[in-house]
Amino acid sequence: TFSPKKTPPRKFASLSNLNLLDRST
């Protein structure tokens, strides 16, 4: 009788913008 609702998928894998920067930056 227990059926939890599915969580919605995340829009971004990371909220940090560090992964968008290249190594030198």
PDBML (XML) file of the C-alpha atoms, coordinates in Angstrom:
<?xml version="1.0" encoding="UTF-8" ?>
<PDBx:datablock datablockName="MODEL"
   xmlns:PDBx="http://pdbml.pdb.org/schema/pdbx-v50.xsd"
   xmlns:xsi="http://www.w3.org/2001/XMLSchema-instance"
   xsi:schemaLocation="http://pdbml.pdb.org/schema/pdbx-v50.xsd pdbx-v50.xsd">
   <PDBx:atom_siteCategory>
      <PDBx:atom_site id="1">
         <PDBx:B_iso_or_equiv>0.00</PDBx:B_iso_or_equiv>
         <PDBx:Cartn_x>0.000</PDBx:Cartn_x>
         <PDBx:Cartn_y>0.000</PDBx:Cartn_y>
         <PDBx:Cartn_z>0.000</PDBx:Cartn_z>
         <PDBx:auth_asym_id>A</PDBx:auth_asym_id>
         <PDBx:auth_atom_id>CA</PDBx:auth_atom_id>
         <PDBx:auth_comp_id>THR</PDBx:auth_comp_id>
         <PDBx:auth_seq_id>1</PDBx:auth_seq_id>
         <PDBx:group_PDB>ATOM</PDBx:group_PDB>
         <PDBx:label_alt_id xsi:nil="true" />
         <PDBx:label_asym_id>A</PDBx:label_asym_id>
         <PDBx:label_atom_id>CA</PDBx:label_atom_id>
         <PDBx:label_comp_id>THR</PDBx:label_comp_id>
         <PDBx:label_entity_id>1</PDBx:label_entity_id>
         <PDBx:label_seq_id>1</PDBx:label_seq_id>
         <PDBx:occupancy>1.00</PDBx:occupancy>
         <PDBx:pdbx_PDB_model_num>1</PDBx:pdbx_PDB_model_num>
         <PDBx:type_symbol>C</PDBx:type_symbol>
      </PDBx:atom_site>
      <PDBx:atom_site id="2">
         <PDBx:B_iso_or_equiv>0.00</PDBx:B_iso_or_equiv>
         <PDBx:Cartn_x>3.024</PDBx:Cartn_x>
         <PDBx:Cartn_y>2.266</PDBx:Cartn_y>
         <PDBx:Cartn_z>0.386</PDBx:Cartn_z>
         <PDBx:auth_asym_id>A</PDBx:auth_asym_id>
         <PDBx:auth_atom_id>CA</PDBx:auth_atom_id>
         <PDBx:auth_comp_id>PHE</PDBx:auth_comp_id>
         <PDBx:auth_seq_id>2</PDBx:auth_seq_id>
         <PDBx:group_PDB>ATOM</PDBx:group_PDB>
         <PDBx:label_alt_id xsi:nil="true" />
         <PDBx:label_asym_id>A</PDBx:label_asym_id>
         <PDBx:label_atom_id>CA</PDBx:label_atom_id>
         <PDBx:label_comp_id>PHE</PDBx:label_comp_id>
         <PDBx:label_entity_id>1</PDBx:label_entity_id>
         <PDBx:label_seq_id>2</PDBx:label_seq_id>
         <PDBx:occupancy>1.00</PDBx:occupancy>
         <PDBx:pdbx_PDB_model_num>1</PDBx:pdbx_PDB_model_num>
         <PDBx:type_symbol>C</PDBx:type_symbol>
      </PDBx:atom_site>
      <PDBx:atom_site id="3">
         <PDBx:B_iso_or_equiv>0.00</PDBx:B_iso_or_equiv>
         <PDBx:Cartn_x>4.101</PDBx:Cartn_x>
         <PDBx:Cartn_y>3.834</PDBx:Cartn_y>
         <PDBx:Cartn_z>-2.896</PDBx:Cartn_z>
         <PDBx:auth_asym_id>A</PDBx:auth_asym_id>
         <PDBx:auth_atom_id>CA</PDBx:auth_atom_id>
         <PDBx:auth_comp_id>SER</PDBx:auth_comp_id>
         <PDBx:auth_seq_id>3</PDBx:auth_seq_id>
         <PDBx:group_PDB>ATOM</PDBx:group_PDB>
         <PDBx:label_alt_id xsi:nil="true" />
         <PDBx:label_asym_id>A</PDBx:label_asym_id>
         <PDBx:label_atom_id>CA</PDBx:label_atom_id>
         <PDBx:label_comp_id>SER</PDBx:label_comp_id>
         <PDBx:label_entity_id>1</PDBx:label_entity_id>
         <PDBx:label_seq_id>3</PDBx:label_seq_id>
         <PDBx:occupancy>1.00</PDBx:occupancy>
         <PDBx:pdbx_PDB_model_num>1</PDBx:pdbx_PDB_model_num>
         <PDBx:type_symbol>C</PDBx:type_symbol>
      </PDBx:atom_site>
      <PDBx:atom_site id="4">
         <PDBx:B_iso_or_equiv>0.00</PDBx:B_iso_or_equiv>
         <PDBx:Cartn_x>6.294</PDBx:Cartn_x>
         <PDBx:Cartn_y>6.923</PDBx:Cartn_y>
         <PDBx:Cartn_z>-2.582</PDBx:Cartn_z>
         <PDBx:auth_asym_id>A</PDBx:auth_asym_id>
         <PDBx:auth_atom_id>CA</PDBx:auth_atom_id>
         <PDBx:auth_comp_id>PRO</PDBx:auth_comp_id>
         <PDBx:auth_seq_id>4</PDBx:auth_seq_id>
         <PDBx:group_PDB>ATOM</PDBx:group_PDB>
         <PDBx:label_alt_id xsi:nil="true" />
         <PDBx:label_asym_id>A</PDBx:label_asym_id>
         <PDBx:label_atom_id>CA</PDBx:label_atom_id>
         <PDBx:label_comp_id>PRO</PDBx:label_comp_id>
         <PDBx:label_entity_id>1</PDBx:label_entity_id>
         <PDBx:label_seq_id>4</PDBx:label_seq_id>
         <PDBx:occupancy>1.00</PDBx:occupancy>
         <PDBx:pdbx_PDB_model_num>1</PDBx:pdbx_PDB_model_num>
         <PDBx:type_symbol>C</PDBx:type_symbol>
      </PDBx:atom_site>
      <PDBx:atom_site id="5">
         <PDBx:B_iso_or_equiv>0.00</PDBx:B_iso_or_equiv>
         <PDBx:Cartn_x>6.248</PDBx:Cartn_x>
         <PDBx:Cartn_y>9.575</PDBx:Cartn_y>
         <PDBx:Cartn_z>-5.242</PDBx:Cartn_z>
         <PDBx:auth_asym_id>A</PDBx:auth_asym_id>
         <PDBx:auth_atom_id>CA</PDBx:auth_atom_id>
         <PDBx:auth_comp_id>LYS</PDBx:auth_comp_id>
         <PDBx:auth_seq_id>5</PDBx:auth_seq_id>
         <PDBx:group_PDB>ATOM</PDBx:group_PDB>
         <PDBx:label_alt_id xsi:nil="true" />
         <PDBx:label_asym_id>A</PDBx:label_asym_id>
         <PDBx:label_atom_id>CA</PDBx:label_atom_id>
         <PDBx:label_comp_id>LYS</PDBx:label_comp_id>
         <PDBx:label_entity_id>1</PDBx:label_entity_id>
         <PDBx:label_seq_id>5</PDBx:label_seq_id>
         <PDBx:occupancy>1.00</PDBx:occupancy>
         <PDBx:pdbx_PDB_model_num>1</PDBx:pdbx_PDB_model_num>
         <PDBx:type_symbol>C</PDBx:type_symbol>
      </PDBx:atom_site>
      <PDBx:atom_site id="6">
         <PDBx:B_iso_or_equiv>0.00</PDBx:B_iso_or_equiv>
         <PDBx:Cartn_x>9.195</PDBx:Cartn_x>
         <PDBx:Cartn_y>9.736</PDBx:Cartn_y>
         <PDBx:Cartn_z>-7.605</PDBx:Cartn_z>
         <PDBx:auth_asym_id>A</PDBx:auth_asym_id>
         <PDBx:auth_atom_id>CA</PDBx:auth_atom_id>
         <PDBx:auth_comp_id>LYS</PDBx:auth_comp_id>
         <PDBx:auth_seq_id>6</PDBx:auth_seq_id>
         <PDBx:group_PDB>ATOM</PDBx:group_PDB>
         <PDBx:label_alt_id xsi:nil="true" />
         <PDBx:label_asym_id>A</PDBx:label_asym_id>
         <PDBx:label_atom_id>CA</PDBx:label_atom_id>
         <PDBx:label_comp_id>LYS</PDBx:label_comp_id>
         <PDBx:label_entity_id>1</PDBx:label_entity_id>
         <PDBx:label_seq_id>6</PDBx:label_seq_id>
         <PDBx:occupancy>1.00</PDBx:occupancy>
         <PDBx:pdbx_PDB_model_num>1</PDBx:pdbx_PDB_model_num>
         <PDBx:type_symbol>C</PDBx:type_symbol>
      </PDBx:atom_site>
      <PDBx:atom_site id="7">
         <PDBx:B_iso_or_equiv>0.00</PDBx:B_iso_or_equiv>
         <PDBx:Cartn_x>11.535</PDBx:Cartn_x>
         <PDBx:Cartn_y>12.668</PDBx:Cartn_y>
         <PDBx:Cartn_z>-7.102</PDBx:Cartn_z>
         <PDBx:auth_asym_id>A</PDBx:auth_asym_id>
         <PDBx:auth_atom_id>CA</PDBx:auth_atom_id>
         <PDBx:auth_comp_id>THR</PDBx:auth_comp_id>
         <PDBx:auth_seq_id>7</PDBx:auth_seq_id>
         <PDBx:group_PDB>ATOM</PDBx:group_PDB>
         <PDBx:label_alt_id xsi:nil="true" />
         <PDBx:label_asym_id>A</PDBx:label_asym_id>
         <PDBx:label_atom_id>CA</PDBx:label_atom_id>
         <PDBx:label_comp_id>THR</PDBx:label_comp_id>
         <PDBx:label_entity_id>1</PDBx:label_entity_id>
         <PDBx:label_seq_id>7</PDBx:label_seq_id>
         <PDBx:occupancy>1.00</PDBx:occupancy>
         <PDBx:pdbx_PDB_model_num>1</PDBx:pdbx_PDB_model_num>
         <PDBx:type_symbol>C</PDBx:type_symbol>
      </PDBx:atom_site>
      <PDBx:atom_site id="8">
         <PDBx:B_iso_or_equiv>0.00</PDBx:B_iso_or_equiv>
         <PDBx:Cartn_x>11.863</PDBx:Cartn_x>
         <PDBx:Cartn_y>15.011</PDBx:Cartn_y>
         <PDBx:Cartn_z>-10.040</PDBx:Cartn_z>
         <PDBx:auth_asym_id>A</PDBx:auth_asym_id>
         <PDBx:auth_atom_id>CA</PDBx:auth_atom_id>
         <PDBx:auth_comp_id>PRO</PDBx:auth_comp_id>
         <PDBx:auth_seq_id>8</PDBx:auth_seq_id>
         <PDBx:group_PDB>ATOM</PDBx:group_PDB>
         <PDBx:label_alt_id xsi:nil="true" />
         <PDBx:label_asym_id>A</PDBx:label_asym_id>
         <PDBx:label_atom_id>CA</PDBx:label_atom_id>
         <PDBx:label_comp_id>PRO</PDBx:label_comp_id>
         <PDBx:label_entity_id>1</PDBx:label_entity_id>
         <PDBx:label_seq_id>8</PDBx:label_seq_id>
         <PDBx:occupancy>1.00</PDBx:occupancy>
         <PDBx:pdbx_PDB_model_num>1</PDBx:pdbx_PDB_model_num>
         <PDBx:type_symbol>C</PDBx:type_symbol>
      </PDBx:atom_site>
      <PDBx:atom_site id="9">
         <PDBx:B_iso_or_equiv>0.00</PDBx:B_iso_or_equiv>
         <PDBx:Cartn_x>15.242</PDBx:Cartn_x>
         <PDBx:Cartn_y>14.855</PDBx:Cartn_y>
         <PDBx:Cartn_z>-11.873</PDBx:Cartn_z>
         <PDBx:auth_asym_id>A</PDBx:auth_asym_id>
         <PDBx:auth_atom_id>CA</PDBx:auth_atom_id>
         <PDBx:auth_comp_id>PRO</PDBx:auth_comp_id>
         <PDBx:auth_seq_id>9</PDBx:auth_seq_id>
         <PDBx:group_PDB>ATOM</PDBx:group_PDB>
         <PDBx:label_alt_id xsi:nil="true" />
         <PDBx:label_asym_id>A</PDBx:label_asym_id>
         <PDBx:label_atom_id>CA</PDBx:label_atom_id>
         <PDBx:label_comp_id>PRO</PDBx:label_comp_id>
         <PDBx:label_entity_id>1</PDBx:label_entity_id>
         <PDBx:label_seq_id>9</PDBx:label_seq_id>
         <PDBx:occupancy>1.00</PDBx:occupancy>
         <PDBx:pdbx_PDB_model_num>1</PDBx:pdbx_PDB_model_num>
         <PDBx:type_symbol>C</PDBx:type_symbol>
      </PDBx:atom_site>
      <PDBx:atom_site id="10">
         <PDBx:B_iso_or_equiv>0.00</PDBx:B_iso_or_equiv>
         <PDBx:Cartn_x>17.808</PDBx:Cartn_x>
         <PDBx:Cartn_y>17.553</PDBx:Cartn_y>
         <PDBx:Cartn_z>-11.183</PDBx:Cartn_z>
         <PDBx:auth_asym_id>A</PDBx:auth_asym_id>
         <PDBx:auth_atom_id>CA</PDBx:auth_atom_id>
         <PDBx:auth_comp_id>ARG</PDBx:auth_comp_id>
         <PDBx:auth_seq_id>10</PDBx:auth_seq_id>
         <PDBx:group_PDB>ATOM</PDBx:group_PDB>
         <PDBx:label_alt_id xsi:nil="true" />
         <PDBx:label_asym_id>A</PDBx:label_asym_id>
         <PDBx:label_atom_id>CA</PDBx:label_atom_id>
         <PDBx:label_comp_id>ARG</PDBx:label_comp_id>
         <PDBx:label_entity_id>1</PDBx:label_entity_id>
         <PDBx:label_seq_id>10</PDBx:label_seq_id>
         <PDBx:occupancy>1.00</PDBx:occupancy>
         <PDBx:pdbx_PDB_model_num>1</PDBx:pdbx_PDB_model_num>
         <PDBx:type_symbol>C</PDBx:type_symbol>
      </PDBx:atom_site>
      <PDBx:atom_site id="11">
         <PDBx:B_iso_or_equiv>0.00</PDBx:B_iso_or_equiv>
         <PDBx:Cartn_x>18.281</PDBx:Cartn_x>
         <PDBx:Cartn_y>20.223</PDBx:Cartn_y>
         <PDBx:Cartn_z>-13.750</PDBx:Cartn_z>
         <PDBx:auth_asym_id>A</PDBx:auth_asym_id>
         <PDBx:auth_atom_id>CA</PDBx:auth_atom_id>
         <PDBx:auth_comp_id>LYS</PDBx:auth_comp_id>
         <PDBx:auth_seq_id>11</PDBx:auth_seq_id>
         <PDBx:group_PDB>ATOM</PDBx:group_PDB>
         <PDBx:label_alt_id xsi:nil="true" />
         <PDBx:label_asym_id>A</PDBx:label_asym_id>
         <PDBx:label_atom_id>CA</PDBx:label_atom_id>
         <PDBx:label_comp_id>LYS</PDBx:label_comp_id>
         <PDBx:label_entity_id>1</PDBx:label_entity_id>
         <PDBx:label_seq_id>11</PDBx:label_seq_id>
         <PDBx:occupancy>1.00</PDBx:occupancy>
         <PDBx:pdbx_PDB_model_num>1</PDBx:pdbx_PDB_model_num>
         <PDBx:type_symbol>C</PDBx:type_symbol>
      </PDBx:atom_site>
      <PDBx:atom_site id="12">
         <PDBx:B_iso_or_equiv>0.00</PDBx:B_iso_or_equiv>
         <PDBx:Cartn_x>22.067</PDBx:Cartn_x>
         <PDBx:Cartn_y>20.502</PDBx:Cartn_y>
         <PDBx:Cartn_z>-13.239</PDBx:Cartn_z>
         <PDBx:auth_asym_id>A</PDBx:auth_asym_id>
         <PDBx:auth_atom_id>CA</PDBx:auth_atom_id>
         <PDBx:auth_comp_id>PHE</PDBx:auth_comp_id>
         <PDBx:auth_seq_id>12</PDBx:auth_seq_id>
         <PDBx:group_PDB>ATOM</PDBx:group_PDB>
         <PDBx:label_alt_id xsi:nil="true" />
         <PDBx:label_asym_id>A</PDBx:label_asym_id>
         <PDBx:label_atom_id>CA</PDBx:label_atom_id>
         <PDBx:label_comp_id>PHE</PDBx:label_comp_id>
         <PDBx:label_entity_id>1</PDBx:label_entity_id>
         <PDBx:label_seq_id>12</PDBx:label_seq_id>
         <PDBx:occupancy>1.00</PDBx:occupancy>
         <PDBx:pdbx_PDB_model_num>1</PDBx:pdbx_PDB_model_num>
         <PDBx:type_symbol>C</PDBx:type_symbol>
      </PDBx:atom_site>
      <PDBx:atom_site id="13">
         <PDBx:B_iso_or_equiv>0.00</PDBx:B_iso_or_equiv>
         <PDBx:Cartn_x>24.499</PDBx:Cartn_x>
         <PDBx:Cartn_y>17.883</PDBx:Cartn_y>
         <PDBx:Cartn_z>-11.962</PDBx:Cartn_z>
         <PDBx:auth_asym_id>A</PDBx:auth_asym_id>
         <PDBx:auth_atom_id>CA</PDBx:auth_atom_id>
         <PDBx:auth_comp_id>ALA</PDBx:auth_comp_id>
         <PDBx:auth_seq_id>13</PDBx:auth_seq_id>
         <PDBx:group_PDB>ATOM</PDBx:group_PDB>
         <PDBx:label_alt_id xsi:nil="true" />
         <PDBx:label_asym_id>A</PDBx:label_asym_id>
         <PDBx:label_atom_id>CA</PDBx:label_atom_id>
         <PDBx:label_comp_id>ALA</PDBx:label_comp_id>
         <PDBx:label_entity_id>1</PDBx:label_entity_id>
         <PDBx:label_seq_id>13</PDBx:label_seq_id>
         <PDBx:occupancy>1.00</PDBx:occupancy>
         <PDBx:pdbx_PDB_model_num>1</PDBx:pdbx_PDB_model_num>
         <PDBx:type_symbol>C</PDBx:type_symbol>
      </PDBx:atom_site>
      <PDBx:atom_site id="14">
         <PDBx:B_iso_or_equiv>0.00</PDBx:B_iso_or_equiv>
         <PDBx:Cartn_x>26.321</PDBx:Cartn_x>
         <PDBx:Cartn_y>20.519</PDBx:Cartn_y>
         <PDBx:Cartn_z>-9.947</PDBx:Cartn_z>
         <PDBx:auth_asym_id>A</PDBx:auth_asym_id>
         <PDBx:auth_atom_id>CA</PDBx:auth_atom_id>
         <PDBx:auth_comp_id>SER</PDBx:auth_comp_id>
         <PDBx:auth_seq_id>14</PDBx:auth_seq_id>
         <PDBx:group_PDB>ATOM</PDBx:group_PDB>
         <PDBx:label_alt_id xsi:nil="true" />
         <PDBx:label_asym_id>A</PDBx:label_asym_id>
         <PDBx:label_atom_id>CA</PDBx:label_atom_id>
         <PDBx:label_comp_id>SER</PDBx:label_comp_id>
         <PDBx:label_entity_id>1</PDBx:label_entity_id>
         <PDBx:label_seq_id>14</PDBx:label_seq_id>
         <PDBx:occupancy>1.00</PDBx:occupancy>
         <PDBx:pdbx_PDB_model_num>1</PDBx:pdbx_PDB_model_num>
         <PDBx:type_symbol>C</PDBx:type_symbol>
      </PDBx:atom_site>
      <PDBx:atom_site id="15">
         <PDBx:B_iso_or_equiv>0.00</PDBx:B_iso_or_equiv>
         <PDBx:Cartn_x>25.207</PDBx:Cartn_x>
         <PDBx:Cartn_y>23.888</PDBx:Cartn_y>
         <PDBx:Cartn_z>-8.682</PDBx:Cartn_z>
         <PDBx:auth_asym_id>A</PDBx:auth_asym_id>
         <PDBx:auth_atom_id>CA</PDBx:auth_atom_id>
         <PDBx:auth_comp_id>LEU</PDBx:auth_comp_id>
         <PDBx:auth_seq_id>15</PDBx:auth_seq_id>
         <PDBx:group_PDB>ATOM</PDBx:group_PDB>
         <PDBx:label_alt_id xsi:nil="true" />
         <PDBx:label_asym_id>A</PDBx:label_asym_id>
         <PDBx:label_atom_id>CA</PDBx:label_atom_id>
         <PDBx:label_comp_id>LEU</PDBx:label_comp_id>
         <PDBx:label_entity_id>1</PDBx:label_entity_id>
         <PDBx:label_seq_id>15</PDBx:label_seq_id>
         <PDBx:occupancy>1.00</PDBx:occupancy>
         <PDBx:pdbx_PDB_model_num>1</PDBx:pdbx_PDB_model_num>
         <PDBx:type_symbol>C</PDBx:type_symbol>
      </PDBx:atom_site>
      <PDBx:atom_site id="16">
         <PDBx:B_iso_or_equiv>0.00</PDBx:B_iso_or_equiv>
         <PDBx:Cartn_x>28.817</PDBx:Cartn_x>
         <PDBx:Cartn_y>25.082</PDBx:Cartn_y>
         <PDBx:Cartn_z>-8.668</PDBx:Cartn_z>
         <PDBx:auth_asym_id>A</PDBx:auth_asym_id>
         <PDBx:auth_atom_id>CA</PDBx:auth_atom_id>
         <PDBx:auth_comp_id>SER</PDBx:auth_comp_id>
         <PDBx:auth_seq_id>16</PDBx:auth_seq_id>
         <PDBx:group_PDB>ATOM</PDBx:group_PDB>
         <PDBx:label_alt_id xsi:nil="true" />
         <PDBx:label_asym_id>A</PDBx:label_asym_id>
         <PDBx:label_atom_id>CA</PDBx:label_atom_id>
         <PDBx:label_comp_id>SER</PDBx:label_comp_id>
         <PDBx:label_entity_id>1</PDBx:label_entity_id>
         <PDBx:label_seq_id>16</PDBx:label_seq_id>
         <PDBx:occupancy>1.00</PDBx:occupancy>
         <PDBx:pdbx_PDB_model_num>1</PDBx:pdbx_PDB_model_num>
         <PDBx:type_symbol>C</PDBx:type_symbol>
      </PDBx:atom_site>
      <PDBx:atom_site id="17">
         <PDBx:B_iso_or_equiv>0.00</PDBx:B_iso_or_equiv>
         <PDBx:Cartn_x>30.172</PDBx:Cartn_x>
         <PDBx:Cartn_y>26.904</PDBx:Cartn_y>
         <PDBx:Cartn_z>-11.672</PDBx:Cartn_z>
         <PDBx:auth_asym_id>A</PDBx:auth_asym_id>
         <PDBx:auth_atom_id>CA</PDBx:auth_atom_id>
         <PDBx:auth_comp_id>ASN</PDBx:auth_comp_id>
         <PDBx:auth_seq_id>17</PDBx:auth_seq_id>
         <PDBx:group_PDB>ATOM</PDBx:group_PDB>
         <PDBx:label_alt_id xsi:nil="true" />
         <PDBx:label_asym_id>A</PDBx:label_asym_id>
         <PDBx:label_atom_id>CA</PDBx:label_atom_id>
         <PDBx:label_comp_id>ASN</PDBx:label_comp_id>
         <PDBx:label_entity_id>1</PDBx:label_entity_id>
         <PDBx:label_seq_id>17</PDBx:label_seq_id>
         <PDBx:occupancy>1.00</PDBx:occupancy>
         <PDBx:pdbx_PDB_model_num>1</PDBx:pdbx_PDB_model_num>
         <PDBx:type_symbol>C</PDBx:type_symbol>
      </PDBx:atom_site>
      <PDBx:atom_site id="18">
         <PDBx:B_iso_or_equiv>0.00</PDBx:B_iso_or_equiv>
         <PDBx:Cartn_x>33.697</PDBx:Cartn_x>
         <PDBx:Cartn_y>25.507</PDBx:Cartn_y>
         <PDBx:Cartn_z>-11.098</PDBx:Cartn_z>
         <PDBx:auth_asym_id>A</PDBx:auth_asym_id>
         <PDBx:auth_atom_id>CA</PDBx:auth_atom_id>
         <PDBx:auth_comp_id>LEU</PDBx:auth_comp_id>
         <PDBx:auth_seq_id>18</PDBx:auth_seq_id>
         <PDBx:group_PDB>ATOM</PDBx:group_PDB>
         <PDBx:label_alt_id xsi:nil="true" />
         <PDBx:label_asym_id>A</PDBx:label_asym_id>
         <PDBx:label_atom_id>CA</PDBx:label_atom_id>
         <PDBx:label_comp_id>LEU</PDBx:label_comp_id>
         <PDBx:label_entity_id>1</PDBx:label_entity_id>
         <PDBx:label_seq_id>18</PDBx:label_seq_id>
         <PDBx:occupancy>1.00</PDBx:occupancy>
         <PDBx:pdbx_PDB_model_num>1</PDBx:pdbx_PDB_model_num>
         <PDBx:type_symbol>C</PDBx:type_symbol>
      </PDBx:atom_site>
      <PDBx:atom_site id="19">
         <PDBx:B_iso_or_equiv>0.00</PDBx:B_iso_or_equiv>
         <PDBx:Cartn_x>33.104</PDBx:Cartn_x>
         <PDBx:Cartn_y>22.698</PDBx:Cartn_y>
         <PDBx:Cartn_z>-13.556</PDBx:Cartn_z>
         <PDBx:auth_asym_id>A</PDBx:auth_asym_id>
         <PDBx:auth_atom_id>CA</PDBx:auth_atom_id>
         <PDBx:auth_comp_id>ASN</PDBx:auth_comp_id>
         <PDBx:auth_seq_id>19</PDBx:auth_seq_id>
         <PDBx:group_PDB>ATOM</PDBx:group_PDB>
         <PDBx:label_alt_id xsi:nil="true" />
         <PDBx:label_asym_id>A</PDBx:label_asym_id>
         <PDBx:label_atom_id>CA</PDBx:label_atom_id>
         <PDBx:label_comp_id>ASN</PDBx:label_comp_id>
         <PDBx:label_entity_id>1</PDBx:label_entity_id>
         <PDBx:label_seq_id>19</PDBx:label_seq_id>
         <PDBx:occupancy>1.00</PDBx:occupancy>
         <PDBx:pdbx_PDB_model_num>1</PDBx:pdbx_PDB_model_num>
         <PDBx:type_symbol>C</PDBx:type_symbol>
      </PDBx:atom_site>
      <PDBx:atom_site id="20">
         <PDBx:B_iso_or_equiv>0.00</PDBx:B_iso_or_equiv>
         <PDBx:Cartn_x>32.435</PDBx:Cartn_x>
         <PDBx:Cartn_y>25.263</PDBx:Cartn_y>
         <PDBx:Cartn_z>-16.267</PDBx:Cartn_z>
         <PDBx:auth_asym_id>A</PDBx:auth_asym_id>
         <PDBx:auth_atom_id>CA</PDBx:auth_atom_id>
         <PDBx:auth_comp_id>LEU</PDBx:auth_comp_id>
         <PDBx:auth_seq_id>20</PDBx:auth_seq_id>
         <PDBx:group_PDB>ATOM</PDBx:group_PDB>
         <PDBx:label_alt_id xsi:nil="true" />
         <PDBx:label_asym_id>A</PDBx:label_asym_id>
         <PDBx:label_atom_id>CA</PDBx:label_atom_id>
         <PDBx:label_comp_id>LEU</PDBx:label_comp_id>
         <PDBx:label_entity_id>1</PDBx:label_entity_id>
         <PDBx:label_seq_id>20</PDBx:label_seq_id>
         <PDBx:occupancy>1.00</PDBx:occupancy>
         <PDBx:pdbx_PDB_model_num>1</PDBx:pdbx_PDB_model_num>
         <PDBx:type_symbol>C</PDBx:type_symbol>
      </PDBx:atom_site>
      <PDBx:atom_site id="21">
         <PDBx:B_iso_or_equiv>0.00</PDBx:B_iso_or_equiv>
         <PDBx:Cartn_x>35.878</PDBx:Cartn_x>
         <PDBx:Cartn_y>26.858</PDBx:Cartn_y>
         <PDBx:Cartn_z>-15.856</PDBx:Cartn_z>
         <PDBx:auth_asym_id>A</PDBx:auth_asym_id>
         <PDBx:auth_atom_id>CA</PDBx:auth_atom_id>
         <PDBx:auth_comp_id>LEU</PDBx:auth_comp_id>
         <PDBx:auth_seq_id>21</PDBx:auth_seq_id>
         <PDBx:group_PDB>ATOM</PDBx:group_PDB>
         <PDBx:label_alt_id xsi:nil="true" />
         <PDBx:label_asym_id>A</PDBx:label_asym_id>
         <PDBx:label_atom_id>CA</PDBx:label_atom_id>
         <PDBx:label_comp_id>LEU</PDBx:label_comp_id>
         <PDBx:label_entity_id>1</PDBx:label_entity_id>
         <PDBx:label_seq_id>21</PDBx:label_seq_id>
         <PDBx:occupancy>1.00</PDBx:occupancy>
         <PDBx:pdbx_PDB_model_num>1</PDBx:pdbx_PDB_model_num>
         <PDBx:type_symbol>C</PDBx:type_symbol>
      </PDBx:atom_site>
      <PDBx:atom_site id="22">
         <PDBx:B_iso_or_equiv>0.00</PDBx:B_iso_or_equiv>
         <PDBx:Cartn_x>38.972</PDBx:Cartn_x>
         <PDBx:Cartn_y>25.495</PDBx:Cartn_y>
         <PDBx:Cartn_z>-17.541</PDBx:Cartn_z>
         <PDBx:auth_asym_id>A</PDBx:auth_asym_id>
         <PDBx:auth_atom_id>CA</PDBx:auth_atom_id>
         <PDBx:auth_comp_id>ASP</PDBx:auth_comp_id>
         <PDBx:auth_seq_id>22</PDBx:auth_seq_id>
         <PDBx:group_PDB>ATOM</PDBx:group_PDB>
         <PDBx:label_alt_id xsi:nil="true" />
         <PDBx:label_asym_id>A</PDBx:label_asym_id>
         <PDBx:label_atom_id>CA</PDBx:label_atom_id>
         <PDBx:label_comp_id>ASP</PDBx:label_comp_id>
         <PDBx:label_entity_id>1</PDBx:label_entity_id>
         <PDBx:label_seq_id>22</PDBx:label_seq_id>
         <PDBx:occupancy>1.00</PDBx:occupancy>
         <PDBx:pdbx_PDB_model_num>1</PDBx:pdbx_PDB_model_num>
         <PDBx:type_symbol>C</PDBx:type_symbol>
      </PDBx:atom_site>
      <PDBx:atom_site id="23">
         <PDBx:B_iso_or_equiv>0.00</PDBx:B_iso_or_equiv>
         <PDBx:Cartn_x>42.019</PDBx:Cartn_x>
         <PDBx:Cartn_y>24.468</PDBx:Cartn_y>
         <PDBx:Cartn_z>-15.499</PDBx:Cartn_z>
         <PDBx:auth_asym_id>A</PDBx:auth_asym_id>
         <PDBx:auth_atom_id>CA</PDBx:auth_atom_id>
         <PDBx:auth_comp_id>ARG</PDBx:auth_comp_id>
         <PDBx:auth_seq_id>23</PDBx:auth_seq_id>
         <PDBx:group_PDB>ATOM</PDBx:group_PDB>
         <PDBx:label_alt_id xsi:nil="true" />
         <PDBx:label_asym_id>A</PDBx:label_asym_id>
         <PDBx:label_atom_id>CA</PDBx:label_atom_id>
         <PDBx:label_comp_id>ARG</PDBx:label_comp_id>
         <PDBx:label_entity_id>1</PDBx:label_entity_id>
         <PDBx:label_seq_id>23</PDBx:label_seq_id>
         <PDBx:occupancy>1.00</PDBx:occupancy>
         <PDBx:pdbx_PDB_model_num>1</PDBx:pdbx_PDB_model_num>
         <PDBx:type_symbol>C</PDBx:type_symbol>
      </PDBx:atom_site>
      <PDBx:atom_site id="24">
         <PDBx:B_iso_or_equiv>0.00</PDBx:B_iso_or_equiv>
         <PDBx:Cartn_x>44.034</PDBx:Cartn_x>
         <PDBx:Cartn_y>27.677</PDBx:Cartn_y>
         <PDBx:Cartn_z>-15.925</PDBx:Cartn_z>
         <PDBx:auth_asym_id>A</PDBx:auth_asym_id>
         <PDBx:auth_atom_id>CA</PDBx:auth_atom_id>
         <PDBx:auth_comp_id>SER</PDBx:auth_comp_id>
         <PDBx:auth_seq_id>24</PDBx:auth_seq_id>
         <PDBx:group_PDB>ATOM</PDBx:group_PDB>
         <PDBx:label_alt_id xsi:nil="true" />
         <PDBx:label_asym_id>A</PDBx:label_asym_id>
         <PDBx:label_atom_id>CA</PDBx:label_atom_id>
         <PDBx:label_comp_id>SER</PDBx:label_comp_id>
         <PDBx:label_entity_id>1</PDBx:label_entity_id>
         <PDBx:label_seq_id>24</PDBx:label_seq_id>
         <PDBx:occupancy>1.00</PDBx:occupancy>
         <PDBx:pdbx_PDB_model_num>1</PDBx:pdbx_PDB_model_num>
         <PDBx:type_symbol>C</PDBx:type_symbol>
      </PDBx:atom_site>
      <PDBx:atom_site id="25">
         <PDBx:B_iso_or_equiv>0.00</PDBx:B_iso_or_equiv>
         <PDBx:Cartn_x>41.069</PDBx:Cartn_x>
         <PDBx:Cartn_y>29.835</PDBx:Cartn_y>
         <PDBx:Cartn_z>-14.878</PDBx:Cartn_z>
         <PDBx:auth_asym_id>A</PDBx:auth_asym_id>
         <PDBx:auth_atom_id>CA</PDBx:auth_atom_id>
         <PDBx:auth_comp_id>THR</PDBx:auth_comp_id>
         <PDBx:auth_seq_id>25</PDBx:auth_seq_id>
         <PDBx:group_PDB>ATOM</PDBx:group_PDB>
         <PDBx:label_alt_id xsi:nil="true" />
         <PDBx:label_asym_id>A</PDBx:label_asym_id>
         <PDBx:label_atom_id>CA</PDBx:label_atom_id>
         <PDBx:label_comp_id>THR</PDBx:label_comp_id>
         <PDBx:label_entity_id>1</PDBx:label_entity_id>
         <PDBx:label_seq_id>25</PDBx:label_seq_id>
         <PDBx:occupancy>1.00</PDBx:occupancy>
         <PDBx:pdbx_PDB_model_num>1</PDBx:pdbx_PDB_model_num>
         <PDBx:type_symbol>C</PDBx:type_symbol>
      </PDBx:atom_site>
   </PDBx:atom_siteCategory>
</PDBx:datablock>
